[in-house]
């Protein structure tokens, strides 16, 4: 059950013994309220799938591929619903495209 309002404590400060200090900010969040209704809605979350990632995925056996897909898109994993692929060459290509 998701609460309508939650408090998020944010702090990047640490105290003398290396632990974290009291929060430097408290942010009230209302997950039911749309912050910017005039903007395009968020359709989902995902990641980029590059040629290097595809080669690594291909090197897995069937069980490994299944586990990877569950970790990325599964209910108990990250819950991705979208994926983005590059067009032409990118930083994570195994070769150069002309």
N, C-alpha and C. Protein backbone atom coordinates (compact mmCIF):
# COMPACT_ATOMS: atom_id res chain seq x y z
N UNK A 1 0.84 -1.17 0.00
CA UNK A 1 0.00 0.00 0.00
C UNK A 1 0.89 1.24 0.00
N UNK A 2 0.70 2.08 -0.99
CA UNK A 2 1.51 3.28 -1.12
C UNK A 2 0.83 4.44 -0.41
N UNK A 3 1.57 5.13 0.41
CA UNK A 3 1.04 6.28 1.12
C UNK A 3 0.85 7.43 0.15
N UNK A 4 -0.14 8.28 0.44
CA UNK A 4 -0.37 9.44 -0.42
C UNK A 4 0.74 10.46 -0.26
N UNK A 5 1.24 10.60 0.94
CA UNK A 5 2.33 11.56 1.17
C UNK A 5 3.47 10.85 1.90
N UNK A 6 4.67 11.16 1.48
CA UNK A 6 5.85 10.63 2.14
C UNK A 6 6.83 11.77 2.35
N UNK A 7 7.66 11.65 3.36
CA UNK A 7 8.71 12.63 3.58
C UNK A 7 10.03 12.01 3.13
N UNK A 8 10.75 12.75 2.36
CA UNK A 8 12.06 12.31 1.88
C UNK A 8 13.11 13.16 2.59
N UNK A 9 14.04 12.51 3.25
CA UNK A 9 15.12 13.19 3.94
C UNK A 9 16.36 13.15 3.07
N UNK A 10 16.96 14.30 2.85
CA UNK A 10 18.13 14.37 2.00
C UNK A 10 19.29 15.00 2.75
N UNK A 11 20.43 14.36 2.69
CA UNK A 11 21.62 14.93 3.32
C UNK A 11 22.86 14.34 2.67
N UNK A 12 23.85 15.16 2.42
CA UNK A 12 25.13 14.70 1.91
C UNK A 12 26.24 14.99 2.90
N UNK A 13 25.89 15.49 4.05
CA UNK A 13 26.88 15.82 5.06
C UNK A 13 27.16 14.61 5.94
N UNK A 14 28.37 14.52 6.42
CA UNK A 14 28.70 13.45 7.36
C UNK A 14 29.25 14.08 8.63
N UNK A 15 29.10 13.36 9.72
CA UNK A 15 29.63 13.88 10.98
C UNK A 15 31.05 13.39 11.20
N UNK A 16 31.64 13.69 12.35
CA UNK A 16 33.05 13.40 12.60
C UNK A 16 33.39 11.91 12.55
N UNK A 17 32.48 11.04 12.98
CA UNK A 17 32.79 9.61 13.02
C UNK A 17 32.51 8.90 11.69
N UNK A 18 32.23 9.67 10.63
CA UNK A 18 32.02 9.09 9.32
C UNK A 18 30.59 8.71 9.02
N UNK A 19 29.70 8.77 10.03
CA UNK A 19 28.30 8.49 9.81
C UNK A 19 27.60 9.70 9.22
N UNK A 20 26.35 9.55 8.91
CA UNK A 20 25.62 10.65 8.32
C UNK A 20 25.01 11.54 9.39
N UNK A 21 24.99 12.82 9.12
CA UNK A 21 24.43 13.81 10.04
C UNK A 21 22.92 13.87 9.87
N UNK A 22 22.28 14.71 10.67
CA UNK A 22 20.85 14.91 10.54
C UNK A 22 20.54 15.42 9.13
N UNK A 23 19.36 15.13 8.63
CA UNK A 23 19.01 15.61 7.28
C UNK A 23 19.11 17.13 7.17
N UNK A 24 19.61 17.57 6.03
CA UNK A 24 19.70 19.00 5.79
C UNK A 24 18.46 19.53 5.10
N UNK A 25 17.59 18.63 4.63
CA UNK A 25 16.37 19.05 3.96
C UNK A 25 15.29 17.99 4.15
N UNK A 26 14.07 18.43 4.26
CA UNK A 26 12.92 17.52 4.30
C UNK A 26 11.99 17.95 3.18
N UNK A 27 11.66 17.02 2.30
CA UNK A 27 10.82 17.31 1.14
C UNK A 27 9.53 16.52 1.28
N UNK A 28 8.40 17.20 1.24
CA UNK A 28 7.11 16.53 1.25
C UNK A 28 6.71 16.19 -0.18
N UNK A 29 6.32 14.94 -0.42
CA UNK A 29 5.99 14.48 -1.76
C UNK A 29 4.57 13.95 -1.77
N UNK A 30 3.77 14.39 -2.73
CA UNK A 30 2.42 13.88 -2.94
C UNK A 30 2.42 13.13 -4.26
N UNK A 31 2.46 11.80 -4.22
CA UNK A 31 2.56 10.99 -5.42
C UNK A 31 1.27 10.97 -6.23
N UNK A 32 0.18 11.42 -5.67
CA UNK A 32 -1.11 11.42 -6.37
C UNK A 32 -1.31 12.69 -7.20
N UNK A 33 -0.58 13.76 -6.88
CA UNK A 33 -0.74 15.03 -7.58
C UNK A 33 0.20 15.08 -8.77
N UNK A 34 -0.31 15.47 -9.93
CA UNK A 34 0.51 15.63 -11.13
C UNK A 34 1.16 17.00 -11.06
N UNK A 35 2.49 17.02 -11.03
CA UNK A 35 3.22 18.27 -10.84
C UNK A 35 3.08 19.22 -12.02
N UNK A 36 3.15 18.70 -13.23
CA UNK A 36 3.09 19.53 -14.43
C UNK A 36 2.10 18.92 -15.41
N UNK A 37 0.79 19.15 -15.22
CA UNK A 37 -0.21 18.50 -16.07
C UNK A 37 -0.14 18.91 -17.53
N UNK A 38 0.49 20.06 -17.83
CA UNK A 38 0.58 20.51 -19.22
C UNK A 38 1.70 19.81 -19.99
N UNK A 39 2.55 19.10 -19.31
CA UNK A 39 3.66 18.39 -19.97
C UNK A 39 3.26 16.99 -20.39
N UNK A 40 4.03 16.43 -21.29
CA UNK A 40 3.80 15.07 -21.76
C UNK A 40 3.93 14.09 -20.59
N UNK A 41 3.01 13.13 -20.49
CA UNK A 41 3.10 12.17 -19.38
C UNK A 41 4.28 11.21 -19.55
N UNK A 42 4.76 10.69 -18.44
CA UNK A 42 5.82 9.68 -18.48
C UNK A 42 5.18 8.35 -18.86
N UNK A 43 5.66 7.74 -19.92
CA UNK A 43 5.09 6.50 -20.42
C UNK A 43 5.71 5.27 -19.80
N UNK A 44 6.89 5.41 -19.26
CA UNK A 44 7.57 4.28 -18.65
C UNK A 44 9.02 4.61 -18.40
N UNK A 45 9.75 3.62 -17.92
CA UNK A 45 11.16 3.79 -17.63
C UNK A 45 11.92 2.64 -18.29
N UNK A 46 13.16 2.90 -18.66
CA UNK A 46 13.94 1.86 -19.31
C UNK A 46 15.40 2.24 -19.39
N UNK A 47 16.09 1.60 -20.32
CA UNK A 47 17.51 1.84 -20.48
C UNK A 47 17.90 1.79 -21.93
N UNK A 48 19.15 2.10 -22.20
CA UNK A 48 19.70 2.07 -23.55
C UNK A 48 20.31 0.69 -23.81
N UNK A 49 20.05 0.16 -24.97
CA UNK A 49 20.59 -1.14 -25.36
C UNK A 49 21.54 -0.93 -26.52
N UNK A 50 22.82 -1.09 -26.24
CA UNK A 50 23.87 -0.83 -27.22
C UNK A 50 24.37 -2.14 -27.83
N UNK A 51 25.21 -1.99 -28.83
CA UNK A 51 25.80 -3.16 -29.48
C UNK A 51 26.64 -3.97 -28.49
N UNK A 52 27.40 -3.29 -27.65
CA UNK A 52 28.21 -4.00 -26.66
C UNK A 52 27.32 -4.76 -25.68
N UNK A 53 26.21 -4.16 -25.26
CA UNK A 53 25.29 -4.85 -24.36
C UNK A 53 24.68 -6.06 -25.05
N UNK A 54 24.35 -5.92 -26.33
CA UNK A 54 23.77 -7.04 -27.09
C UNK A 54 24.76 -8.19 -27.21
N UNK A 55 26.02 -7.88 -27.43
CA UNK A 55 27.04 -8.95 -27.52
C UNK A 55 27.18 -9.68 -26.19
N UNK A 56 27.16 -8.94 -25.09
CA UNK A 56 27.23 -9.58 -23.78
C UNK A 56 25.99 -10.43 -23.51
N UNK A 57 24.83 -9.91 -23.86
CA UNK A 57 23.58 -10.65 -23.67
C UNK A 57 23.60 -11.93 -24.50
N UNK A 58 24.10 -11.82 -25.74
CA UNK A 58 24.16 -12.98 -26.63
C UNK A 58 25.11 -14.06 -26.11
N UNK A 59 26.11 -13.67 -25.34
CA UNK A 59 27.08 -14.64 -24.83
C UNK A 59 26.50 -15.48 -23.69
N UNK A 60 25.37 -15.07 -23.13
CA UNK A 60 24.74 -15.83 -22.05
C UNK A 60 24.01 -17.05 -22.58
N UNK A 61 23.86 -18.06 -21.74
CA UNK A 61 23.03 -19.20 -22.14
C UNK A 61 21.56 -18.82 -21.97
N UNK A 62 20.65 -19.71 -22.34
CA UNK A 62 19.22 -19.40 -22.28
C UNK A 62 18.76 -19.01 -20.88
N UNK A 63 19.27 -19.73 -19.87
CA UNK A 63 18.89 -19.42 -18.49
C UNK A 63 19.38 -18.02 -18.10
N UNK A 64 20.60 -17.69 -18.47
CA UNK A 64 21.16 -16.37 -18.17
C UNK A 64 20.39 -15.25 -18.86
N UNK A 65 19.97 -15.50 -20.09
CA UNK A 65 19.16 -14.50 -20.80
C UNK A 65 17.82 -14.30 -20.12
N UNK A 66 17.22 -15.38 -19.66
CA UNK A 66 15.94 -15.29 -18.96
C UNK A 66 16.07 -14.51 -17.67
N UNK A 67 17.11 -14.79 -16.91
CA UNK A 67 17.35 -14.08 -15.65
C UNK A 67 17.58 -12.60 -15.93
N UNK A 68 18.37 -12.30 -16.97
CA UNK A 68 18.64 -10.90 -17.32
C UNK A 68 17.36 -10.16 -17.67
N UNK A 69 16.51 -10.79 -18.47
CA UNK A 69 15.24 -10.16 -18.85
C UNK A 69 14.35 -9.95 -17.63
N UNK A 70 14.34 -10.92 -16.73
CA UNK A 70 13.55 -10.77 -15.49
C UNK A 70 14.09 -9.64 -14.63
N UNK A 71 15.43 -9.52 -14.54
CA UNK A 71 16.02 -8.46 -13.74
C UNK A 71 15.72 -7.07 -14.32
N UNK A 72 15.67 -6.97 -15.64
CA UNK A 72 15.40 -5.69 -16.27
C UNK A 72 13.91 -5.36 -16.34
N UNK A 73 13.10 -6.32 -16.83
CA UNK A 73 11.70 -6.05 -17.14
C UNK A 73 10.71 -6.71 -16.19
N UNK A 74 11.19 -7.58 -15.32
CA UNK A 74 10.31 -8.34 -14.44
C UNK A 74 9.71 -7.54 -13.31
N UNK A 75 8.67 -8.08 -12.75
CA UNK A 75 7.96 -7.44 -11.63
C UNK A 75 8.87 -7.28 -10.41
N UNK A 76 9.74 -8.25 -10.16
CA UNK A 76 10.65 -8.19 -9.01
C UNK A 76 12.00 -7.59 -9.37
N UNK A 77 12.18 -7.18 -10.63
CA UNK A 77 13.42 -6.55 -11.07
C UNK A 77 13.27 -5.05 -11.12
N UNK A 78 13.91 -4.43 -12.10
CA UNK A 78 13.86 -2.98 -12.24
C UNK A 78 12.51 -2.48 -12.75
N UNK A 79 11.76 -3.34 -13.40
CA UNK A 79 10.45 -2.95 -13.89
C UNK A 79 10.50 -2.09 -15.15
N UNK A 80 11.55 -2.25 -15.95
CA UNK A 80 11.61 -1.49 -17.20
C UNK A 80 10.39 -1.80 -18.06
N UNK A 81 9.93 -0.78 -18.77
CA UNK A 81 8.85 -0.97 -19.73
C UNK A 81 9.24 -0.45 -21.11
N UNK A 82 10.39 0.20 -21.20
CA UNK A 82 10.87 0.77 -22.46
C UNK A 82 12.34 0.43 -22.67
N UNK A 83 12.75 0.43 -23.91
CA UNK A 83 14.15 0.26 -24.26
C UNK A 83 14.49 1.18 -25.41
N UNK A 84 15.71 1.70 -25.42
CA UNK A 84 16.15 2.60 -26.49
C UNK A 84 17.37 1.98 -27.15
N UNK A 85 17.37 1.99 -28.45
CA UNK A 85 18.54 1.53 -29.20
C UNK A 85 19.12 2.70 -29.97
N UNK A 86 20.39 2.63 -30.25
CA UNK A 86 21.05 3.71 -30.98
C UNK A 86 20.94 3.46 -32.48
N UNK A 87 21.09 4.51 -33.24
CA UNK A 87 21.14 4.41 -34.70
C UNK A 87 22.55 4.79 -35.12
N UNK A 88 23.15 3.95 -35.94
CA UNK A 88 24.52 4.13 -36.39
C UNK A 88 25.48 3.84 -35.25
N UNK A 89 26.64 4.43 -35.24
CA UNK A 89 27.66 4.14 -34.25
C UNK A 89 27.41 4.90 -32.95
N UNK A 90 27.89 4.33 -31.84
CA UNK A 90 27.84 5.03 -30.56
C UNK A 90 29.10 4.69 -29.78
N UNK A 91 29.24 5.26 -28.61
CA UNK A 91 30.44 5.02 -27.79
C UNK A 91 30.61 3.56 -27.41
N UNK A 92 29.53 2.79 -27.42
CA UNK A 92 29.59 1.40 -27.01
C UNK A 92 29.43 0.43 -28.17
N UNK A 93 29.86 0.85 -29.36
CA UNK A 93 29.88 -0.02 -30.53
C UNK A 93 31.20 -0.77 -30.55
N UNK A 94 31.18 -1.97 -31.13
CA UNK A 94 32.42 -2.74 -31.20
C UNK A 94 33.26 -2.36 -32.40
N UNK A 95 32.70 -1.59 -33.31
CA UNK A 95 33.44 -1.14 -34.48
C UNK A 95 33.04 0.27 -34.85
N UNK A 96 33.70 0.81 -35.84
CA UNK A 96 33.38 2.16 -36.31
C UNK A 96 32.53 2.07 -37.57
N UNK A 97 31.52 2.89 -37.64
CA UNK A 97 30.64 2.91 -38.80
C UNK A 97 30.95 4.12 -39.66
N UNK A 98 30.94 3.92 -40.96
CA UNK A 98 31.18 5.04 -41.89
C UNK A 98 29.91 5.42 -42.59
